[in-house]
Amino acid sequence: MGTVELLLAIRLGDVAACRECLEAGASLGVHLLTRETPLHLAARRAHLGVTKLLLAHGADASARTPSGKLASDLVDPPHRHSMVREALRTAERDAAQATEAARLASSSSS
């Protein structure tokens, strides 16, 4: 199972199939054709279980689409899927804090 199967499982909202794909080594990186990540697709589909699984496996919540949008910006409609949006926003904050901590550690060791 690879990235194509992962993308299909995300479209279907199949958490178990997504887990199998990730355990088999499917990439969480940018897809060459769409230039978006699997997390972007999960956000568009508003699949909470899949979104949480991808984040737990290291999906980059700070990755942007070619138009500059974060995964949390893609949740549609926003008012109906607040749990998905909140999970993504939490991951974005965590990533920003980790980046800032690394930057501070790097500048203090210089």
C-alpha atoms as a PDB file:
ATOM      1  CA  MET A   1       0.000   0.000   0.000  1.00  0.00           C
ATOM      2  CA  GLY A   2       1.345   3.359  -0.976  1.00  0.00           C
ATOM      3  CA  THR A   3       0.459   6.984  -1.361  1.00  0.00           C
ATOM      4  CA  VAL A   4      -2.232   6.431  -4.007  1.00  0.00           C
ATOM      5  CA  GLU A   5      -4.026   4.001  -1.711  1.00  0.00           C
ATOM      6  CA  LEU A   6      -3.651   6.465   1.166  1.00  0.00           C
ATOM      7  CA  LEU A   7      -5.271   9.226  -0.867  1.00  0.00           C
ATOM      8  CA  LEU A   8      -8.154   6.927  -1.788  1.00  0.00           C
ATOM      9  CA  ALA A   9      -8.613   5.864   1.843  1.00  0.00           C
ATOM     10  CA  ILE A  10      -8.645   9.533   2.890  1.00  0.00           C
ATOM     11  CA  ARG A  11     -11.334  10.320   0.297  1.00  0.00           C
ATOM     12  CA  LEU A  12     -13.421   7.483   1.719  1.00  0.00           C
ATOM     13  CA  GLY A  13     -12.739   8.463   5.335  1.00  0.00           C
ATOM     14  CA  ASP A  14     -11.460   4.954   6.039  1.00  0.00           C
ATOM     15  CA  VAL A  15      -9.273   5.315   9.140  1.00  0.00           C
ATOM     16  CA  ALA A  16      -8.238   1.650   9.227  1.00  0.00           C
ATOM     17  CA  ALA A  17      -7.104   1.701   5.590  1.00  0.00           C
ATOM     18  CA  CYS A  18      -5.242   4.974   6.182  1.00  0.00           C
ATOM     19  CA  ARG A  19      -3.457   3.394   9.153  1.00  0.00           C
ATOM     20  CA  GLU A  20      -2.458   0.397   7.034  1.00  0.00           C
ATOM     21  CA  CYS A  21      -1.085   2.678   4.317  1.00  0.00           C
ATOM     22  CA  LEU A  22       0.895   4.752   6.805  1.00  0.00           C
ATOM     23  CA  GLU A  23       2.301   1.646   8.473  1.00  0.00           C
ATOM     24  CA  ALA A  24       3.321   0.403   5.014  1.00  0.00           C
ATOM     25  CA  GLY A  25       5.254   3.630   4.448  1.00  0.00           C
ATOM     26  CA  ALA A  26       2.890   5.864   2.471  1.00  0.00           C
ATOM     27  CA  SER A  27       4.174   9.411   2.188  1.00  0.00           C
ATOM     28  CA  LEU A  28       2.653  12.338   4.051  1.00  0.00           C
ATOM     29  CA  GLY A  29       4.523  14.744   1.788  1.00  0.00           C
ATOM     30  CA  VAL A  30       3.302  16.919  -1.030  1.00  0.00           C
ATOM     31  CA  HIS A  31       1.613  15.009  -3.848  1.00  0.00           C
ATOM     32  CA  LEU A  32       3.284  15.801  -7.166  1.00  0.00           C
ATOM     33  CA  LEU A  33       0.071  16.225  -9.134  1.00  0.00           C
ATOM     34  CA  THR A  34      -2.040  18.280  -6.707  1.00  0.00           C
ATOM     35  CA  ARG A  35       0.874  19.922  -4.861  1.00  0.00           C
ATOM     36  CA  GLU A  36      -1.065  19.357  -1.649  1.00  0.00           C
ATOM     37  CA  THR A  37      -0.526  16.969   1.251  1.00  0.00           C
ATOM     38  CA  PRO A  38      -2.765  14.122   2.418  1.00  0.00           C
ATOM     39  CA  LEU A  39      -3.645  16.337   5.390  1.00  0.00           C
ATOM     40  CA  HIS A  40      -5.037  18.964   3.010  1.00  0.00           C
ATOM     41  CA  LEU A  41      -7.285  16.317   1.449  1.00  0.00           C
ATOM     42  CA  ALA A  42      -8.456  15.081   4.859  1.00  0.00           C
ATOM     43  CA  ALA A  43      -9.284  18.666   5.823  1.00  0.00           C
ATOM     44  CA  ARG A  44     -11.250  19.235   2.618  1.00  0.00           C
ATOM     45  CA  ARG A  45     -13.226  16.065   3.353  1.00  0.00           C
ATOM     46  CA  ALA A  46     -13.593  17.025   7.055  1.00  0.00           C
ATOM     47  CA  HIS A  47     -12.736  13.513   8.245  1.00  0.00           C
ATOM     48  CA  LEU A  48     -11.889  13.971  11.935  1.00  0.00           C
ATOM     49  CA  GLY A  49     -10.565  10.440  12.517  1.00  0.00           C
ATOM     50  CA  VAL A  50      -8.363  10.548   9.433  1.00  0.00           C
ATOM     51  CA  THR A  51      -7.142  14.058  10.294  1.00  0.00           C
ATOM     52  CA  LYS A  52      -6.152  12.992  13.806  1.00  0.00           C
ATOM     53  CA  LEU A  53      -4.438   9.863  12.470  1.00  0.00           C
ATOM     54  CA  LEU A  54      -2.397  11.843   9.939  1.00  0.00           C
ATOM     55  CA  LEU A  55      -1.364  14.354  12.600  1.00  0.00           C
ATOM     56  CA  ALA A  56      -0.378  11.522  14.963  1.00  0.00           C
ATOM     57  CA  HIS A  57       1.821  10.107  12.196  1.00  0.00           C
ATOM     58  CA  GLY A  58       3.625  13.399  11.739  1.00  0.00           C
ATOM     59  CA  ALA A  59       1.642  15.232   9.062  1.00  0.00           C
ATOM     60  CA  ASP A  60       2.825  18.834   8.788  1.00  0.00           C
ATOM     61  CA  ALA A  61      -0.035  21.094   9.882  1.00  0.00           C
ATOM     62  CA  SER A  62       1.983  24.133   8.805  1.00  0.00           C
ATOM     63  CA  ALA A  63       2.255  22.989   5.169  1.00  0.00           C
ATOM     64  CA  ARG A  64       0.536  25.326   2.743  1.00  0.00           C
ATOM     65  CA  THR A  65      -1.242  24.678  -0.543  1.00  0.00           C
ATOM     66  CA  PRO A  66       0.032  26.378  -3.713  1.00  0.00           C
ATOM     67  CA  SER A  67      -2.486  29.159  -2.968  1.00  0.00           C
ATOM     68  CA  GLY A  68      -1.062  29.615   0.549  1.00  0.00           C
ATOM     69  CA  LYS A  69      -3.789  27.928   2.571  1.00  0.00           C
ATOM     70  CA  LEU A  70      -3.271  25.776   5.645  1.00  0.00           C
ATOM     71  CA  ALA A  71      -5.226  22.559   6.094  1.00  0.00           C
ATOM     72  CA  SER A  72      -7.420  24.307   8.683  1.00  0.00           C
ATOM     73  CA  ASP A  73      -8.404  26.860   6.031  1.00  0.00           C
ATOM     74  CA  LEU A  74      -9.757  24.083   3.815  1.00  0.00           C
ATOM     75  CA  VAL A  75     -12.340  22.612   6.198  1.00  0.00           C
ATOM     76  CA  ASP A  76     -15.649  23.142   4.439  1.00  0.00           C
ATOM     77  CA  PRO A  77     -18.121  24.204   5.564  1.00  0.00           C
ATOM     78  CA  PRO A  78     -16.252  25.659   8.543  1.00  0.00           C
ATOM     79  CA  HIS A  79     -19.217  25.930  10.899  1.00  0.00           C
ATOM     80  CA  ARG A  80     -20.160  22.246  10.547  1.00  0.00           C
ATOM     81  CA  HIS A  81     -16.745  20.746  11.228  1.00  0.00           C
ATOM     82  CA  SER A  82     -15.326  22.701  14.133  1.00  0.00           C
ATOM     83  CA  MET A  83     -13.693  19.597  15.682  1.00  0.00           C
ATOM     84  CA  VAL A  84     -11.621  19.026  12.538  1.00  0.00           C
ATOM     85  CA  ARG A  85     -10.654  22.683  12.380  1.00  0.00           C
ATOM     86  CA  GLU A  86      -9.738  22.720  16.097  1.00  0.00           C
ATOM     87  CA  ALA A  87      -7.524  19.618  15.759  1.00  0.00           C
ATOM     88  CA  LEU A  88      -5.703  21.274  12.857  1.00  0.00           C
ATOM     89  CA  ARG A  89      -5.356  24.637  14.625  1.00  0.00           C
ATOM     90  CA  THR A  90      -3.911  22.897  17.704  1.00  0.00           C
ATOM     91  CA  ALA A  91      -1.358  21.114  15.516  1.00  0.00           C
ATOM     92  CA  GLU A  92      -0.493  24.408  13.791  1.00  0.00           C
ATOM     93  CA  ARG A  93       0.105  26.093  17.168  1.00  0.00           C
ATOM     94  CA  ASP A  94       2.258  23.173  18.335  1.00  0.00           C
ATOM     95  CA  ALA A  95       4.332  23.340  15.139  1.00  0.00           C
ATOM     96  CA  ALA A  96       4.794  27.101  15.485  1.00  0.00           C
ATOM     97  CA  GLN A  97       5.868  26.748  19.117  1.00  0.00           C
ATOM     98  CA  ALA A  98       8.348  23.999  18.233  1.00  0.00           C
ATOM     99  CA  THR A  99       9.793  26.133  15.435  1.00  0.00           C
ATOM    100  CA  GLU A 100      10.149  29.116  17.760  1.00  0.00           C
ATOM    101  CA  ALA A 101      11.756  26.985  20.486  1.00  0.00           C
ATOM    102  CA  ALA A 102      14.260  25.600  17.967  1.00  0.00           C
ATOM    103  CA  ARG A 103      15.020  29.102  16.720  1.00  0.00           C
ATOM    104  CA  LEU A 104      15.599  30.375  20.262  1.00  0.00           C
ATOM    105  CA  ALA A 105      17.781  27.384  21.130  1.00  0.00           C
ATOM    106  CA  SER A 106      19.819  27.925  17.986  1.00  0.00           C
ATOM    107  CA  SER A 107      20.301  31.649  18.609  1.00  0.00           C
ATOM    108  CA  SER A 108      21.269  31.125  22.277  1.00  0.00           C
ATOM    109  CA  SER A 109      23.915  28.536  21.364  1.00  0.00           C
ATOM    110  CA  SER A 110      25.542  30.898  18.852  1.00  0.00           C
END
